[in-house]
Protein backbone atom coordinates (compact mmCIF):
# COMPACT_ATOMS: atom_id res chain seq x y z
CA MET A 1 136.51 -180.78 32.10
CA LEU A 2 133.89 -183.31 31.02
CA VAL A 3 130.38 -182.09 30.23
CA GLY A 4 127.50 -184.57 30.37
CA ILE A 5 124.58 -184.26 27.95
CA VAL A 6 121.51 -185.51 29.83
CA GLY A 7 117.76 -185.68 29.40
CA LYS A 8 114.87 -188.05 28.96
CA PRO A 9 114.72 -190.27 25.86
CA ASN A 10 113.67 -188.75 22.53
CA CYS A 11 114.13 -185.10 23.53
CA GLY A 12 116.79 -184.47 20.88
CA LYS A 13 119.72 -185.23 23.15
CA SER A 14 121.74 -187.24 20.63
CA THR A 15 121.00 -184.71 17.88
CA PHE A 16 122.28 -182.01 20.23
CA PHE A 17 125.42 -184.07 20.88
CA LYS A 18 126.03 -184.66 17.18
CA ALA A 19 125.48 -180.97 16.37
CA LEU A 20 128.00 -180.13 19.08
CA THR A 21 130.66 -182.66 18.10
CA LEU A 22 129.78 -183.95 14.59
CA ALA A 23 130.39 -187.41 16.02
CA ASP A 24 128.73 -190.32 14.21
CA VAL A 25 125.94 -191.32 16.61
CA GLU A 26 122.56 -192.97 16.13
CA ILE A 27 119.65 -190.53 15.98
CA ALA A 28 116.16 -192.01 16.11
CA ASN A 29 112.63 -190.95 16.99
CA TYR A 30 112.13 -193.53 19.73
CA PRO A 31 113.26 -193.99 23.35
CA PHE A 32 116.71 -195.40 24.18
CA ALA A 33 118.33 -194.81 20.79
CA THR A 34 121.37 -194.15 22.99
CA ILE A 35 122.38 -197.22 25.01
CA LYS A 36 126.12 -196.89 25.48
CA PRO A 37 127.52 -193.42 26.19
CA ASN A 38 128.89 -191.46 23.24
CA HIS A 39 132.10 -189.49 23.71
CA GLY A 40 133.18 -186.52 21.64
CA VAL A 41 134.76 -183.08 21.67
CA GLY A 42 132.68 -179.92 21.51
CA PHE A 43 133.83 -176.31 21.42
CA ILE A 44 133.05 -173.27 23.54
CA ARG A 45 132.93 -170.02 21.58
CA VAL A 46 134.75 -167.04 23.12
CA GLU A 47 136.19 -163.81 21.76
CA CYS A 48 139.92 -164.11 21.07
CA VAL A 49 142.42 -161.52 22.28
CA ASP A 50 144.25 -161.70 18.94
CA LYS A 51 141.96 -158.95 17.65
CA GLU A 52 143.61 -156.48 20.04
CA PHE A 53 146.99 -157.30 18.46
CA ASN A 54 145.67 -157.10 14.90
CA THR A 55 146.70 -160.66 14.10
CA GLN A 56 145.17 -164.12 13.68
CA CYS A 57 146.15 -166.69 16.29
CA ASN A 58 146.80 -170.37 15.62
CA PRO A 59 146.10 -172.14 18.94
CA ARG A 60 147.53 -175.55 19.79
CA GLU A 61 144.13 -176.58 21.18
CA GLY A 62 140.91 -175.85 19.29
CA PHE A 63 140.83 -173.27 16.51
CA CYS A 64 140.26 -169.58 15.85
CA VAL A 65 138.16 -168.02 13.06
CA ASN A 66 137.76 -164.27 12.48
CA HIS A 67 138.99 -163.50 16.01
CA ILE A 68 136.56 -166.00 17.52
CA ARG A 69 138.22 -168.74 19.55
CA PHE A 70 136.74 -172.21 19.86
CA VAL A 71 138.01 -173.92 23.02
CA PRO A 72 137.71 -177.74 23.07
CA VAL A 73 135.79 -179.50 25.85
CA ASP A 74 135.15 -183.22 26.32
CA VAL A 75 131.49 -184.21 26.05
CA ILE A 76 129.61 -187.39 26.93
CA ASP A 77 126.08 -188.26 25.79
CA VAL A 78 124.54 -190.74 28.22
CA ALA A 79 121.47 -192.97 27.97
CA GLY A 80 118.08 -191.28 28.34
CA LEU A 81 116.69 -190.88 31.84
CA VAL A 82 113.24 -192.10 32.89
CA PRO A 83 111.34 -191.80 36.20
CA GLY A 84 112.79 -194.15 38.81
CA ALA A 85 116.31 -194.14 37.32
CA HIS A 86 117.82 -193.97 40.82
CA GLU A 87 116.00 -197.25 41.51
CA GLY A 88 117.50 -198.84 38.39
CA LYS A 89 114.54 -198.34 36.02
CA GLY A 90 115.19 -197.89 32.31
CA MET A 91 118.92 -197.44 31.80
CA GLY A 92 119.10 -195.88 35.26
CA ASN A 93 122.09 -197.68 36.77
CA GLN A 94 124.21 -197.24 33.66
CA PHE A 95 123.05 -193.63 33.27
CA LEU A 96 124.09 -192.66 36.78
CA SER A 97 127.37 -194.54 36.56
CA ASP A 98 128.27 -192.77 33.30
CA LEU A 99 127.06 -189.45 34.65
CA ASN A 100 129.36 -189.62 37.65
CA GLN A 101 132.29 -188.80 35.36
CA ALA A 102 130.85 -185.40 34.38
CA ASP A 103 131.90 -182.11 35.98
CA ALA A 104 128.86 -180.22 34.68
CA LEU A 105 125.62 -181.07 32.89
CA VAL A 106 123.66 -179.76 29.93
CA HIS A 107 120.05 -180.84 30.38
CA VAL A 108 118.37 -181.05 26.97
CA ILE A 109 114.60 -180.64 27.17
CA ASP A 110 111.89 -180.66 24.50
CA CYS A 111 110.73 -177.09 25.00
CA SER A 112 107.78 -177.62 22.65
CA GLY A 113 106.22 -180.11 25.07
CA GLY A 114 106.02 -182.76 22.35
CA THR A 115 107.59 -185.60 24.34
CA ASN A 116 106.08 -187.10 27.48
CA GLU A 117 107.92 -188.19 30.63
CA LYS A 118 108.65 -191.64 29.13
CA GLY A 119 110.19 -190.17 25.99
CA GLU A 120 107.19 -190.97 23.80
CA SER A 121 106.13 -188.52 21.09
CA VAL A 122 102.90 -186.66 21.88
CA ASP A 123 101.14 -183.61 20.47
CA SER A 124 103.20 -180.44 20.87
CA GLY A 125 102.12 -178.52 23.94
CA SER A 126 100.53 -181.50 25.67
CA HIS A 127 103.47 -182.04 28.04
CA ASP A 128 104.84 -179.42 30.41
CA PRO A 129 108.67 -179.21 30.04
CA ALA A 130 108.87 -177.77 33.57
CA LYS A 131 108.16 -181.30 34.77
CA ASP A 132 111.32 -182.50 33.01
CA ILE A 133 113.49 -180.01 34.91
CA ILE A 134 111.98 -181.05 38.24
CA PHE A 135 112.21 -184.70 37.25
CA LEU A 136 115.97 -184.55 36.59
CA GLU A 137 116.57 -182.70 39.86
CA THR A 138 114.55 -185.32 41.74
CA GLU A 139 116.39 -188.27 40.20
CA LEU A 140 119.82 -186.77 40.85
CA ASP A 141 118.91 -185.76 44.39
CA HIS A 142 117.69 -189.28 45.20
CA TRP A 143 120.85 -190.72 43.66
CA TYR A 144 123.01 -188.53 45.90
CA PHE A 145 120.78 -189.31 48.87
CA GLY A 146 121.19 -193.05 48.28
CA ILE A 147 124.98 -192.71 48.26
CA LEU A 148 124.91 -190.53 51.38
CA LYS A 149 122.47 -192.79 53.25
CA LYS A 150 124.34 -196.03 52.53
CA GLY A 151 126.10 -197.02 55.75
CA TRP A 152 125.27 -193.65 57.28
CA GLU A 153 124.45 -194.84 60.81
CA LYS A 154 127.76 -196.68 61.22
CA PHE A 155 129.70 -193.83 59.63
CA ALA A 156 128.04 -191.16 61.81
CA ARG A 157 128.62 -193.14 65.03
CA GLN A 158 132.32 -193.59 64.23
CA VAL A 159 132.74 -189.88 63.53
CA GLN A 160 131.18 -189.04 66.90
CA GLN A 161 133.05 -191.70 68.87
CA GLU A 162 136.42 -190.73 67.41
CA HIS A 163 135.66 -186.99 67.72
CA ARG A 164 136.43 -186.41 64.05
CA GLU A 165 135.39 -183.28 62.19
CA ILE A 166 132.26 -184.22 60.26
CA ALA A 167 133.01 -181.91 57.32
CA VAL A 168 136.40 -183.53 56.72
CA SER A 169 135.07 -187.07 57.12
CA LEU A 170 132.07 -186.41 54.89
CA ALA A 171 134.29 -184.95 52.17
CA LYS A 172 136.35 -188.15 52.18
CA GLN A 173 133.18 -190.26 52.14
CA LEU A 174 131.82 -188.40 49.09
CA SER A 175 135.09 -187.76 47.25
CA GLY A 176 133.88 -189.98 44.41
CA LEU A 177 131.20 -187.37 43.71
CA GLY A 178 133.76 -184.58 43.58
CA VAL A 179 133.06 -183.25 47.07
CA ASP A 180 135.97 -181.52 48.82
CA GLU A 181 136.34 -180.13 52.35
CA ASP A 182 135.33 -176.59 51.42
CA MET A 183 132.15 -177.87 49.74
CA SER A 184 131.40 -180.08 52.72
CA LYS A 185 131.72 -177.22 55.20
CA LYS A 186 129.62 -174.92 53.02
CA VAL A 187 126.81 -177.46 52.64
CA ILE A 188 126.74 -178.43 56.33
CA ASN A 189 126.57 -174.77 57.33
CA SER A 190 123.84 -173.98 54.80
CA VAL A 191 121.62 -176.86 55.95
CA GLY A 192 122.21 -175.99 59.61
CA VAL A 193 122.63 -179.50 61.03
CA ASN A 194 124.29 -180.19 64.38
CA LYS A 195 127.97 -180.81 63.59
CA GLU A 196 128.59 -182.57 66.90
CA THR A 197 125.90 -185.25 66.51
CA PRO A 198 125.66 -186.42 62.87
CA SER A 199 124.01 -189.64 64.08
CA SER A 200 120.96 -187.54 64.98
CA TRP A 201 120.54 -186.09 61.49
CA THR A 202 117.14 -186.95 60.04
CA GLU A 203 116.45 -188.31 56.55
CA GLU A 204 114.96 -184.94 55.66
CA GLU A 205 118.23 -183.26 56.63
CA LEU A 206 120.24 -185.85 54.70
CA MET A 207 118.10 -185.16 51.62
CA LYS A 208 118.77 -181.43 51.98
CA LEU A 209 122.48 -182.19 52.17
CA ALA A 210 122.23 -184.41 49.09
CA THR A 211 120.49 -181.64 47.13
CA GLN A 212 123.12 -179.06 48.04
CA PHE A 213 126.00 -181.41 47.20
CA ARG A 214 124.37 -182.15 43.84
CA LYS A 215 124.04 -178.45 43.03
CA LEU A 216 127.71 -177.82 43.79
CA THR A 217 129.20 -180.87 42.09
CA LYS A 218 126.87 -181.15 39.07
CA PRO A 219 125.95 -177.61 37.94
CA ILE A 220 123.27 -177.68 35.24
CA VAL A 221 122.54 -175.55 32.17
CA ILE A 222 119.17 -176.08 30.47
CA ALA A 223 119.17 -176.40 26.67
CA ALA A 224 115.62 -175.57 25.57
CA ASN A 225 115.61 -177.67 22.41
CA LYS A 226 113.11 -177.61 19.51
CA ILE A 227 112.66 -173.88 20.01
CA ASP A 228 111.55 -173.63 16.37
CA VAL A 229 108.41 -175.69 17.07
CA PRO A 230 105.19 -173.69 17.70
CA GLY A 231 104.59 -173.05 21.39
CA ALA A 232 108.22 -173.51 22.42
CA ILE A 233 109.02 -169.80 22.76
CA GLU A 234 106.05 -169.28 25.09
CA ASN A 235 107.22 -172.24 27.18
CA LEU A 236 110.74 -170.80 27.29
CA GLU A 237 109.59 -167.49 28.74
CA ARG A 238 107.52 -169.29 31.36
CA LEU A 239 110.40 -171.60 32.32
CA LYS A 240 112.73 -168.64 32.83
CA LYS A 241 110.27 -167.22 35.35
CA GLU A 242 109.67 -170.55 37.10
CA PHE A 243 113.38 -171.44 37.34
CA PRO A 244 115.24 -168.13 37.80
CA ASP A 245 118.34 -169.85 39.21
CA TYR A 246 118.97 -171.76 35.99
CA MET A 247 120.63 -170.58 32.80
CA ILE A 248 118.06 -171.62 30.17
CA LEU A 249 119.21 -171.24 26.57
CA PRO A 250 117.02 -171.73 23.47
CA CYS A 251 118.32 -173.96 20.70
CA SER A 252 117.37 -176.08 17.72
CA ALA A 253 119.74 -179.04 17.56
CA GLU A 254 118.38 -180.16 14.18
CA SER A 255 118.95 -176.73 12.65
CA GLU A 256 122.49 -176.45 14.02
CA LEU A 257 123.33 -179.95 12.80
CA ALA A 258 122.02 -179.12 9.32
CA LEU A 259 124.17 -175.97 9.20
CA LYS A 260 127.31 -177.81 10.31
CA GLU A 261 126.73 -180.60 7.81
CA ALA A 262 126.32 -177.97 5.08
CA VAL A 263 129.64 -176.40 6.11
CA LYS A 264 131.27 -179.83 6.11
CA HIS A 265 130.16 -180.33 2.49
CA LYS A 266 131.26 -176.78 1.56
CA LEU A 267 127.76 -175.62 0.72
CA ILE A 268 127.67 -172.60 3.04
CA ASN A 269 129.86 -170.28 5.07
CA TYR A 270 128.84 -170.39 8.71
CA ILE A 271 130.62 -169.83 12.01
CA PRO A 272 128.96 -171.76 14.88
CA GLY A 273 127.03 -169.37 17.07
CA ASP A 274 126.43 -166.78 14.34
CA ASN A 275 122.88 -165.69 13.53
CA LYS A 276 123.45 -165.84 9.78
CA PHE A 277 125.14 -167.84 7.02
CA SER A 278 125.89 -167.40 3.33
CA ILE A 279 125.47 -169.87 0.48
CA ILE A 280 128.67 -170.64 -1.44
CA ASP A 281 127.09 -172.09 -4.59
CA LYS A 282 123.31 -171.86 -4.96
CA GLY A 283 123.46 -174.35 -7.81
CA LYS A 284 124.49 -177.11 -5.41
CA ILE A 285 121.51 -176.56 -3.12
CA SER A 286 118.18 -177.93 -4.27
């Protein structure tokens, strides 16, 4: 599995990626610090079954600490997204091309509201992070719609003339997006379009199809970053109510990165995901 780290410029996306992977990437307080995609390996924390056998496992993939297993997953950090990316604005074309590789997305947002839609730093609380969630959905939906709409009239006519099953044909047409026949049938049924006459489907119906395909092929988790900044917790609670279908998790990428760097330099004991750490030698910390 490949997980894509996405978000607008300057929201802490690259810091999040580095905290996750400890890869050497550029981190800067300005838009488009990330130009080319960064690749790395992150780890998912799960409880290990070795505890039930009163032993300590030594997995071939990842690692295990105190009966906590860390399963490796490939991660890609793509260029920041700006409004109009599906039209090629900003790093839009490269962003969407890189993003197509991902099986799932982590959308990093500035939960403090201290970064505007262009990725420019503003006063905390002056930007509504809910707009960032809607903005990413809109860009991805239009991207999928553009792929679906390209050559649609000719494609739909051929399907009708040759009496082919639209779900099967559409799955083949969108296989590059990870769409299979089961997904295709599910989406067509959910939108309620006429299966016999795809040439009559309206642009509104095609957009609904695009949205449903996007939801199935690019599931999204929201990382509410900068949760330690005043106002972020209040925004988090509001976002959970406004977007009940999303998993929205609070985080502070800078804090996690600092902890992992301290572990790397043997200054503290800390297991990623724990809510505490211990200092090894207080004399080394100033």
